[in-house]
């Protein structure tokens, strides 16, 4: 897991401005939110997972899921929730 301290960090550029759905579509990505959807994406989706951004306070509850992502070399970014 890689700590993130600023929303300007280029490693999380895909997660910035996700409210602009047209921009997300143009970039060809899908942002999955919520533990159930993210779990489904990691365990049985036909779509590749490029990265995970998670609030630091949520990481312990999803440790099993994050371990599976790490095994697949999926970048995991952890940031404080503001």
Protein backbone atom coordinates (compact mmCIF):
# COMPACT_ATOMS: atom_id res chain seq x y z
CA UNK A 1 0.00 0.00 0.00
CA UNK A 2 1.25 3.41 -0.96
CA UNK A 3 0.31 6.46 1.13
CA UNK A 4 -1.13 9.48 -0.65
CA UNK A 5 -0.92 12.87 1.03
CA UNK A 6 -2.17 15.19 -1.72
CA UNK A 7 -4.98 15.04 -4.26
CA UNK A 8 -2.46 16.45 -6.74
CA UNK A 9 -0.41 13.24 -6.61
CA UNK A 10 -0.18 12.03 -10.25
CA UNK A 11 -0.59 8.39 -9.16
CA UNK A 12 -4.27 9.06 -8.41
CA UNK A 13 -5.06 11.25 -11.43
CA UNK A 14 -7.74 8.80 -12.62
CA UNK A 15 -9.63 9.28 -9.35
CA UNK A 16 -9.69 13.09 -9.47
CA UNK A 17 -12.78 14.86 -10.87
CA UNK A 18 -14.79 11.63 -11.10
CA UNK A 19 -17.98 13.65 -10.79
CA UNK A 20 -17.43 14.65 -14.38
CA UNK A 21 -18.78 11.43 -15.92
CA UNK A 22 -18.09 12.61 -19.46
CA UNK A 23 -14.38 13.01 -18.65
CA UNK A 24 -14.30 9.52 -17.14
CA UNK A 25 -15.97 8.05 -20.26
CA UNK A 26 -13.53 9.83 -22.54
CA UNK A 27 -10.62 8.33 -20.61
CA UNK A 28 -12.15 4.86 -21.03
CA UNK A 29 -12.31 4.02 -17.35
CA UNK A 30 -14.97 2.99 -14.87
CA UNK A 31 -14.75 4.06 -11.24
CA UNK A 32 -16.15 1.43 -8.85
CA UNK A 33 -17.17 2.71 -5.44
CA UNK A 34 -18.12 0.85 -2.29
CA UNK A 35 -16.72 -2.31 -0.79
CA UNK A 36 -19.29 -4.65 -2.38
CA UNK A 37 -18.67 -3.38 -5.91
CA UNK A 38 -14.90 -3.30 -5.47
CA UNK A 39 -14.94 -6.84 -4.04
CA UNK A 40 -16.96 -8.01 -7.06
CA UNK A 41 -14.54 -6.31 -9.44
CA UNK A 42 -11.56 -7.99 -7.81
CA UNK A 43 -13.03 -11.44 -7.39
CA UNK A 44 -15.02 -12.06 -10.51
CA UNK A 45 -15.15 -9.29 -13.03
CA UNK A 46 -14.07 -9.60 -16.63
CA UNK A 47 -12.75 -6.03 -16.43
CA UNK A 48 -9.18 -5.35 -15.32
CA UNK A 49 -8.60 -3.36 -12.14
CA UNK A 50 -5.99 -0.64 -12.70
CA UNK A 51 -5.68 0.70 -9.16
CA UNK A 52 -7.41 1.02 -5.81
CA UNK A 53 -7.76 4.23 -3.82
CA UNK A 54 -9.02 3.70 -0.30
CA UNK A 55 -9.51 5.85 2.78
CA UNK A 56 -7.01 4.98 5.47
CA UNK A 57 -9.74 4.30 8.02
CA UNK A 58 -11.40 1.73 5.70
CA UNK A 59 -8.26 -0.24 4.85
CA UNK A 60 -8.24 -2.49 7.97
CA UNK A 61 -11.80 -3.70 7.31
CA UNK A 62 -10.86 -4.65 3.75
CA UNK A 63 -7.48 -6.21 4.52
CA UNK A 64 -8.39 -9.54 2.86
CA UNK A 65 -9.51 -7.79 -0.30
CA UNK A 66 -6.43 -5.58 -0.40
CA UNK A 67 -4.18 -8.61 0.08
CA UNK A 68 -5.73 -10.23 -3.01
CA UNK A 69 -5.17 -7.03 -4.97
CA UNK A 70 -1.55 -6.88 -3.84
CA UNK A 71 -1.05 -10.49 -4.99
CA UNK A 72 -2.15 -9.37 -8.45
CA UNK A 73 0.24 -6.39 -8.36
CA UNK A 74 -2.63 -3.89 -8.42
CA UNK A 75 -1.47 -0.55 -7.01
CA UNK A 76 -3.22 0.30 -3.72
CA UNK A 77 -3.23 3.95 -2.69
CA UNK A 78 -4.24 4.89 0.84
CA UNK A 79 -5.26 8.44 1.70
CA UNK A 80 -6.82 10.24 4.63
CA UNK A 81 -10.51 10.88 4.10
CA UNK A 82 -11.30 14.57 4.24
